[in-house]
N, C-alpha and C. Protein backbone atom coordinates (compact mmCIF):
# COMPACT_ATOMS: atom_id res chain seq x y z
N MET A 1 58.01 -56.94 7.03
CA MET A 1 58.65 -57.85 6.11
C MET A 1 58.36 -59.29 6.54
N LYS A 2 58.11 -60.13 5.56
CA LYS A 2 57.78 -61.53 5.83
C LYS A 2 59.02 -62.29 6.28
N LYS A 3 58.83 -63.15 7.26
CA LYS A 3 59.89 -63.97 7.80
C LYS A 3 60.27 -65.06 6.79
N ASP A 4 61.57 -65.24 6.54
CA ASP A 4 62.05 -66.28 5.62
C ASP A 4 62.57 -67.45 6.43
N LEU A 5 61.72 -68.44 6.64
CA LEU A 5 62.04 -69.60 7.46
C LEU A 5 63.23 -70.37 6.90
N TRP A 6 63.28 -70.51 5.58
CA TRP A 6 64.38 -71.24 4.95
C TRP A 6 65.72 -70.56 5.25
N LEU A 7 65.77 -69.26 5.07
CA LEU A 7 67.00 -68.51 5.32
C LEU A 7 67.38 -68.54 6.80
N GLU A 8 66.42 -68.41 7.67
CA GLU A 8 66.68 -68.48 9.11
C GLU A 8 67.30 -69.81 9.50
N ARG A 9 66.76 -70.88 8.95
CA ARG A 9 67.27 -72.21 9.29
C ARG A 9 68.64 -72.46 8.67
N LEU A 10 68.88 -71.89 7.51
CA LEU A 10 70.21 -71.99 6.91
C LEU A 10 71.24 -71.28 7.79
N GLU A 11 70.88 -70.14 8.31
CA GLU A 11 71.80 -69.40 9.19
C GLU A 11 72.12 -70.19 10.46
N ILE A 12 71.17 -70.95 10.96
CA ILE A 12 71.41 -71.81 12.13
C ILE A 12 72.53 -72.81 11.79
N ILE A 13 72.44 -73.42 10.63
CA ILE A 13 73.46 -74.38 10.19
C ILE A 13 74.81 -73.68 10.01
N LYS A 14 74.81 -72.52 9.38
CA LYS A 14 76.06 -71.81 9.12
C LYS A 14 76.77 -71.41 10.41
N ARG A 15 76.02 -71.15 11.46
CA ARG A 15 76.65 -70.78 12.74
C ARG A 15 77.34 -71.96 13.41
N GLN A 16 77.14 -73.15 12.88
CA GLN A 16 77.73 -74.36 13.47
C GLN A 16 78.96 -74.85 12.70
N GLU A 17 79.53 -74.02 11.85
CA GLU A 17 80.69 -74.43 11.06
C GLU A 17 81.84 -74.85 11.94
N SER A 18 82.60 -75.82 11.47
CA SER A 18 83.81 -76.21 12.19
C SER A 18 84.99 -76.18 11.23
N PRO A 19 86.16 -75.79 11.73
CA PRO A 19 87.33 -75.67 10.85
C PRO A 19 87.77 -77.00 10.25
N GLU A 20 87.45 -78.10 10.90
CA GLU A 20 87.85 -79.41 10.39
C GLU A 20 87.25 -79.73 9.02
N THR A 21 86.21 -79.03 8.66
CA THR A 21 85.57 -79.23 7.36
C THR A 21 86.56 -79.03 6.22
N VAL A 22 87.55 -78.18 6.45
CA VAL A 22 88.58 -77.92 5.43
C VAL A 22 89.27 -79.22 5.02
N LEU A 23 89.40 -80.15 5.94
CA LEU A 23 90.11 -81.40 5.65
C LEU A 23 89.42 -82.23 4.57
N ILE A 24 88.14 -82.02 4.35
CA ILE A 24 87.42 -82.72 3.29
C ILE A 24 87.96 -82.31 1.92
N VAL A 25 88.28 -81.04 1.77
CA VAL A 25 88.70 -80.49 0.48
C VAL A 25 90.22 -80.50 0.32
N ALA A 26 90.95 -80.31 1.40
CA ALA A 26 92.41 -80.16 1.33
C ALA A 26 93.05 -81.33 0.60
N GLY A 27 93.83 -81.02 -0.40
CA GLY A 27 94.57 -82.03 -1.13
C GLY A 27 93.79 -82.72 -2.24
N SER A 28 92.54 -82.37 -2.45
CA SER A 28 91.75 -83.00 -3.51
C SER A 28 91.40 -81.99 -4.59
N VAL A 29 92.02 -82.16 -5.74
CA VAL A 29 91.76 -81.27 -6.87
C VAL A 29 90.31 -81.40 -7.33
N GLU A 30 89.80 -82.64 -7.38
CA GLU A 30 88.43 -82.86 -7.84
C GLU A 30 87.41 -82.15 -6.94
N LEU A 31 87.58 -82.29 -5.63
CA LEU A 31 86.64 -81.64 -4.71
C LEU A 31 86.77 -80.13 -4.77
N THR A 32 87.99 -79.65 -4.89
CA THR A 32 88.22 -78.21 -4.99
C THR A 32 87.53 -77.63 -6.22
N ARG A 33 87.61 -78.33 -7.34
CA ARG A 33 86.95 -77.85 -8.56
C ARG A 33 85.44 -77.74 -8.38
N ILE A 34 84.87 -78.69 -7.69
CA ILE A 34 83.42 -78.65 -7.45
C ILE A 34 83.07 -77.48 -6.55
N VAL A 35 83.86 -77.25 -5.52
CA VAL A 35 83.61 -76.13 -4.61
C VAL A 35 83.67 -74.81 -5.38
N VAL A 36 84.69 -74.65 -6.20
CA VAL A 36 84.84 -73.41 -6.97
C VAL A 36 83.68 -73.26 -7.96
N ALA A 37 83.28 -74.34 -8.59
CA ALA A 37 82.14 -74.28 -9.52
C ALA A 37 80.86 -73.91 -8.79
N TRP A 38 80.68 -74.43 -7.59
CA TRP A 38 79.47 -74.15 -6.81
C TRP A 38 79.34 -72.67 -6.49
N LYS A 39 80.47 -72.02 -6.24
CA LYS A 39 80.43 -70.59 -5.89
C LYS A 39 79.83 -69.74 -7.00
N GLY A 40 79.82 -70.24 -8.23
CA GLY A 40 79.28 -69.46 -9.34
C GLY A 40 77.87 -69.86 -9.74
N ILE A 41 77.22 -70.68 -8.94
CA ILE A 41 75.89 -71.18 -9.29
C ILE A 41 74.81 -70.34 -8.63
N LYS A 42 73.80 -70.01 -9.41
CA LYS A 42 72.65 -69.28 -8.87
C LYS A 42 71.64 -70.30 -8.37
N THR A 43 71.28 -70.16 -7.12
CA THR A 43 70.27 -71.05 -6.54
C THR A 43 69.08 -70.22 -6.09
N ASN A 44 67.96 -70.87 -5.98
CA ASN A 44 66.75 -70.24 -5.45
C ASN A 44 66.07 -71.23 -4.53
N ARG A 45 65.50 -70.70 -3.49
CA ARG A 45 64.69 -71.59 -2.66
C ARG A 45 63.34 -71.71 -3.33
N LYS A 46 62.70 -72.85 -3.15
CA LYS A 46 61.40 -73.06 -3.76
C LYS A 46 60.39 -72.07 -3.20
N LYS A 47 59.46 -71.68 -4.02
CA LYS A 47 58.43 -70.72 -3.58
C LYS A 47 57.54 -71.34 -2.51
N LYS A 48 57.21 -72.61 -2.69
CA LYS A 48 56.39 -73.32 -1.71
C LYS A 48 57.28 -74.35 -1.02
N LEU A 49 57.60 -74.08 0.24
CA LEU A 49 58.47 -74.97 0.99
C LEU A 49 57.72 -76.20 1.48
N SER A 50 58.41 -77.33 1.49
CA SER A 50 57.82 -78.53 2.09
C SER A 50 57.83 -78.33 3.60
N ALA A 51 57.07 -79.17 4.29
CA ALA A 51 57.00 -79.07 5.75
C ALA A 51 58.32 -79.52 6.36
N CYS A 52 58.73 -78.80 7.39
CA CYS A 52 59.93 -79.18 8.14
C CYS A 52 59.45 -79.54 9.54
N ASN A 53 59.34 -80.82 9.78
CA ASN A 53 58.74 -81.30 11.03
C ASN A 53 59.75 -81.59 12.13
N SER A 54 61.01 -81.30 11.89
CA SER A 54 62.03 -81.63 12.89
C SER A 54 63.03 -80.50 13.01
N ILE A 55 63.56 -80.33 14.18
CA ILE A 55 64.64 -79.34 14.37
C ILE A 55 65.99 -80.05 14.52
N ASP A 56 65.99 -81.37 14.34
CA ASP A 56 67.22 -82.14 14.32
C ASP A 56 68.11 -81.60 13.20
N ASN A 57 69.39 -81.40 13.46
CA ASN A 57 70.29 -80.80 12.48
C ASN A 57 70.34 -81.54 11.15
N GLN A 58 70.37 -82.86 11.19
CA GLN A 58 70.43 -83.63 9.96
C GLN A 58 69.16 -83.47 9.15
N ALA A 59 68.02 -83.55 9.82
CA ALA A 59 66.74 -83.38 9.14
C ALA A 59 66.62 -81.96 8.58
N LEU A 60 67.08 -80.99 9.33
CA LEU A 60 67.06 -79.60 8.89
C LEU A 60 67.91 -79.41 7.64
N TRP A 61 69.10 -80.01 7.64
CA TRP A 61 70.01 -79.93 6.50
C TRP A 61 69.36 -80.53 5.25
N CYS A 62 68.76 -81.69 5.39
CA CYS A 62 68.07 -82.34 4.27
C CYS A 62 66.92 -81.48 3.77
N TRP A 63 66.17 -80.89 4.70
CA TRP A 63 65.05 -80.03 4.34
C TRP A 63 65.51 -78.81 3.54
N LEU A 64 66.61 -78.22 3.94
CA LEU A 64 67.14 -77.07 3.21
C LEU A 64 67.45 -77.44 1.76
N TRP A 65 68.13 -78.56 1.56
CA TRP A 65 68.49 -79.00 0.22
C TRP A 65 67.28 -79.45 -0.60
N GLU A 66 66.27 -80.00 0.05
CA GLU A 66 65.02 -80.39 -0.63
C GLU A 66 64.31 -79.18 -1.23
N ASN A 67 64.52 -78.04 -0.64
CA ASN A 67 63.77 -76.84 -0.99
C ASN A 67 64.61 -75.82 -1.75
N VAL A 68 65.60 -76.31 -2.47
CA VAL A 68 66.41 -75.42 -3.30
C VAL A 68 66.38 -75.93 -4.74
N VAL A 69 66.45 -74.99 -5.66
CA VAL A 69 66.53 -75.34 -7.08
C VAL A 69 67.71 -74.62 -7.71
N TYR A 70 68.35 -75.32 -8.63
CA TYR A 70 69.47 -74.75 -9.39
C TYR A 70 69.59 -75.58 -10.66
N SER A 71 70.31 -75.07 -11.63
CA SER A 71 70.49 -75.78 -12.89
C SER A 71 71.62 -76.80 -12.75
N GLU A 72 71.24 -78.05 -12.61
CA GLU A 72 72.25 -79.10 -12.49
C GLU A 72 73.08 -79.20 -13.77
N ASP A 73 72.44 -79.07 -14.91
CA ASP A 73 73.18 -79.15 -16.17
C ASP A 73 74.24 -78.05 -16.25
N TRP A 74 73.87 -76.84 -15.89
CA TRP A 74 74.82 -75.73 -15.93
C TRP A 74 75.95 -75.99 -14.93
N PHE A 75 75.60 -76.44 -13.74
CA PHE A 75 76.61 -76.72 -12.72
C PHE A 75 77.60 -77.78 -13.20
N TYR A 76 77.11 -78.91 -13.68
CA TYR A 76 78.02 -79.99 -14.10
C TYR A 76 78.78 -79.65 -15.38
N SER A 77 78.27 -78.71 -16.16
CA SER A 77 79.02 -78.28 -17.35
C SER A 77 80.27 -77.48 -16.96
N ARG A 78 80.32 -77.02 -15.73
CA ARG A 78 81.46 -76.24 -15.25
C ARG A 78 82.57 -77.10 -14.66
N ILE A 79 82.35 -78.41 -14.62
CA ILE A 79 83.30 -79.34 -14.00
C ILE A 79 83.80 -80.31 -15.05
N THR A 80 85.13 -80.46 -15.13
CA THR A 80 85.69 -81.41 -16.09
C THR A 80 85.58 -82.84 -15.56
N GLY A 81 85.59 -83.78 -16.47
CA GLY A 81 85.61 -85.19 -16.07
C GLY A 81 84.23 -85.82 -16.11
N CYS A 82 84.17 -86.99 -15.52
CA CYS A 82 82.97 -87.82 -15.52
C CYS A 82 81.88 -87.22 -14.63
N ARG A 83 80.69 -87.05 -15.21
CA ARG A 83 79.58 -86.46 -14.44
C ARG A 83 79.20 -87.32 -13.24
N LYS A 84 79.19 -88.63 -13.41
CA LYS A 84 78.82 -89.52 -12.31
C LYS A 84 79.76 -89.34 -11.12
N LYS A 85 81.05 -89.27 -11.39
CA LYS A 85 82.05 -89.06 -10.33
C LYS A 85 81.85 -87.68 -9.70
N ALA A 86 81.57 -86.67 -10.52
CA ALA A 86 81.32 -85.32 -10.00
C ALA A 86 80.08 -85.31 -9.11
N GLN A 87 79.04 -86.05 -9.49
CA GLN A 87 77.83 -86.13 -8.68
C GLN A 87 78.12 -86.78 -7.33
N GLN A 88 78.92 -87.83 -7.34
CA GLN A 88 79.30 -88.49 -6.08
C GLN A 88 80.08 -87.54 -5.19
N ASN A 89 81.01 -86.81 -5.79
CA ASN A 89 81.80 -85.84 -5.02
C ASN A 89 80.94 -84.70 -4.50
N PHE A 90 79.98 -84.26 -5.32
CA PHE A 90 79.05 -83.22 -4.89
C PHE A 90 78.29 -83.68 -3.65
N GLU A 91 77.81 -84.92 -3.68
CA GLU A 91 77.08 -85.47 -2.54
C GLU A 91 77.95 -85.53 -1.29
N VAL A 92 79.22 -85.85 -1.44
CA VAL A 92 80.15 -85.87 -0.31
C VAL A 92 80.29 -84.46 0.28
N LEU A 93 80.42 -83.47 -0.60
CA LEU A 93 80.58 -82.09 -0.14
C LEU A 93 79.32 -81.58 0.54
N VAL A 94 78.17 -81.97 0.04
CA VAL A 94 76.90 -81.57 0.67
C VAL A 94 76.78 -82.25 2.03
N ALA A 95 77.02 -83.55 2.07
CA ALA A 95 76.88 -84.30 3.32
C ALA A 95 77.79 -83.77 4.42
N ASN A 96 78.95 -83.26 4.02
CA ASN A 96 79.90 -82.73 5.00
C ASN A 96 79.77 -81.23 5.21
N ARG A 97 78.72 -80.67 4.65
CA ARG A 97 78.39 -79.24 4.81
C ARG A 97 79.50 -78.30 4.34
N VAL A 98 80.11 -78.67 3.23
CA VAL A 98 81.08 -77.80 2.59
C VAL A 98 80.33 -76.83 1.68
N LEU A 99 79.32 -77.34 0.97
CA LEU A 99 78.50 -76.53 0.07
C LEU A 99 77.18 -76.22 0.75
N TYR A 100 76.73 -74.99 0.60
CA TYR A 100 75.45 -74.59 1.17
C TYR A 100 74.42 -74.42 0.05
N PRO A 101 73.17 -74.69 0.35
CA PRO A 101 72.14 -74.64 -0.70
C PRO A 101 71.84 -73.24 -1.23
N ASP A 102 72.43 -72.22 -0.64
CA ASP A 102 72.22 -70.86 -1.16
C ASP A 102 73.30 -70.44 -2.15
N GLY A 103 74.16 -71.40 -2.55
CA GLY A 103 75.21 -71.11 -3.51
C GLY A 103 76.50 -70.64 -2.87
N THR A 104 76.58 -70.64 -1.55
CA THR A 104 77.80 -70.26 -0.86
C THR A 104 78.51 -71.53 -0.37
N ILE A 105 79.68 -71.32 0.24
CA ILE A 105 80.44 -72.45 0.76
C ILE A 105 80.81 -72.19 2.21
N ASN A 106 81.20 -73.25 2.88
CA ASN A 106 81.64 -73.16 4.27
C ASN A 106 82.70 -72.07 4.40
N GLY A 107 82.57 -71.23 5.40
CA GLY A 107 83.48 -70.10 5.59
C GLY A 107 84.93 -70.50 5.78
N TYR A 108 85.17 -71.58 6.49
CA TYR A 108 86.55 -72.05 6.69
C TYR A 108 87.15 -72.54 5.38
N VAL A 109 86.35 -73.22 4.59
CA VAL A 109 86.81 -73.70 3.28
C VAL A 109 87.09 -72.51 2.37
N GLU A 110 86.23 -71.50 2.43
CA GLU A 110 86.45 -70.31 1.62
C GLU A 110 87.76 -69.62 1.98
N ARG A 111 88.04 -69.49 3.26
CA ARG A 111 89.30 -68.87 3.69
C ARG A 111 90.50 -69.72 3.29
N TYR A 112 90.37 -71.02 3.40
CA TYR A 112 91.43 -71.94 2.99
C TYR A 112 91.74 -71.77 1.50
N LEU A 113 90.71 -71.76 0.67
CA LEU A 113 90.91 -71.62 -0.77
C LEU A 113 91.49 -70.25 -1.13
N ARG A 114 91.01 -69.21 -0.46
CA ARG A 114 91.55 -67.87 -0.71
C ARG A 114 93.04 -67.83 -0.37
N GLY A 115 93.41 -68.45 0.73
CA GLY A 115 94.82 -68.51 1.13
C GLY A 115 95.66 -69.26 0.10
N LYS A 116 95.11 -70.35 -0.46
CA LYS A 116 95.83 -71.11 -1.49
C LYS A 116 96.04 -70.26 -2.73
N VAL A 117 95.03 -69.50 -3.12
CA VAL A 117 95.14 -68.65 -4.31
C VAL A 117 96.15 -67.54 -4.07
N LEU A 118 96.08 -66.90 -2.91
CA LEU A 118 97.03 -65.83 -2.60
C LEU A 118 98.46 -66.38 -2.61
N ASN A 119 98.63 -67.56 -2.05
CA ASN A 119 99.95 -68.19 -2.03
C ASN A 119 100.42 -68.52 -3.45
N LEU A 120 99.51 -68.97 -4.30
CA LEU A 120 99.83 -69.29 -5.67
C LEU A 120 100.41 -68.08 -6.41
N PHE A 121 99.86 -66.90 -6.11
CA PHE A 121 100.32 -65.68 -6.76
C PHE A 121 101.38 -64.93 -5.94
N GLY A 122 101.82 -65.52 -4.85
CA GLY A 122 102.86 -64.91 -4.03
C GLY A 122 102.40 -63.65 -3.33
N ILE A 123 101.12 -63.57 -2.99
CA ILE A 123 100.56 -62.41 -2.32
C ILE A 123 100.41 -62.72 -0.84
N SER A 124 100.89 -61.83 0.00
CA SER A 124 100.73 -62.00 1.44
C SER A 124 99.27 -61.86 1.81
N LYS A 125 98.81 -62.64 2.78
CA LYS A 125 97.43 -62.54 3.24
C LYS A 125 97.12 -61.16 3.80
N HIS A 126 98.13 -60.46 4.23
CA HIS A 126 97.93 -59.13 4.85
C HIS A 126 98.11 -58.01 3.83
N GLN A 127 98.59 -58.36 2.64
CA GLN A 127 98.78 -57.38 1.58
C GLN A 127 97.43 -57.01 0.98
N ASP A 128 97.27 -55.79 0.55
CA ASP A 128 96.05 -55.36 -0.09
C ASP A 128 95.92 -56.02 -1.45
N VAL A 129 94.97 -56.94 -1.59
CA VAL A 129 94.80 -57.70 -2.82
C VAL A 129 94.41 -56.79 -3.98
N SER A 130 93.67 -55.74 -3.72
CA SER A 130 93.23 -54.86 -4.81
C SER A 130 94.40 -54.10 -5.43
N ALA A 131 95.51 -54.01 -4.70
CA ALA A 131 96.69 -53.32 -5.24
C ALA A 131 97.51 -54.24 -6.12
N ALA A 132 97.23 -55.53 -6.07
CA ALA A 132 98.02 -56.51 -6.84
C ALA A 132 97.67 -56.51 -8.30
């Protein structure tokens, strides 16, 4: 099987998650909406990747995003409000590594949001959600 350099490098970034990332989203309805919308977006890495000449984390992060494609129109159609403001918020979430270029989100943020939803419906985190 062929080695997927893009996916390997994304996994390197994902292994560096920190719980403080949750603070970017906590208390912001606008940012939360973007995170939830991102979870439903189909992304693809480009067939021909650009060169990645650095292993610096910031350069690696930029390279990953440079080499992903998704429908921006479809994504922004899923978010209410001003598109320009949504784009600015999207950039904040990307810069803080809340959103990943593979269409997933930071694991700590995902657990935080799941906890908020369970709390909203009065479901214990330890209760079997499928029984609800």
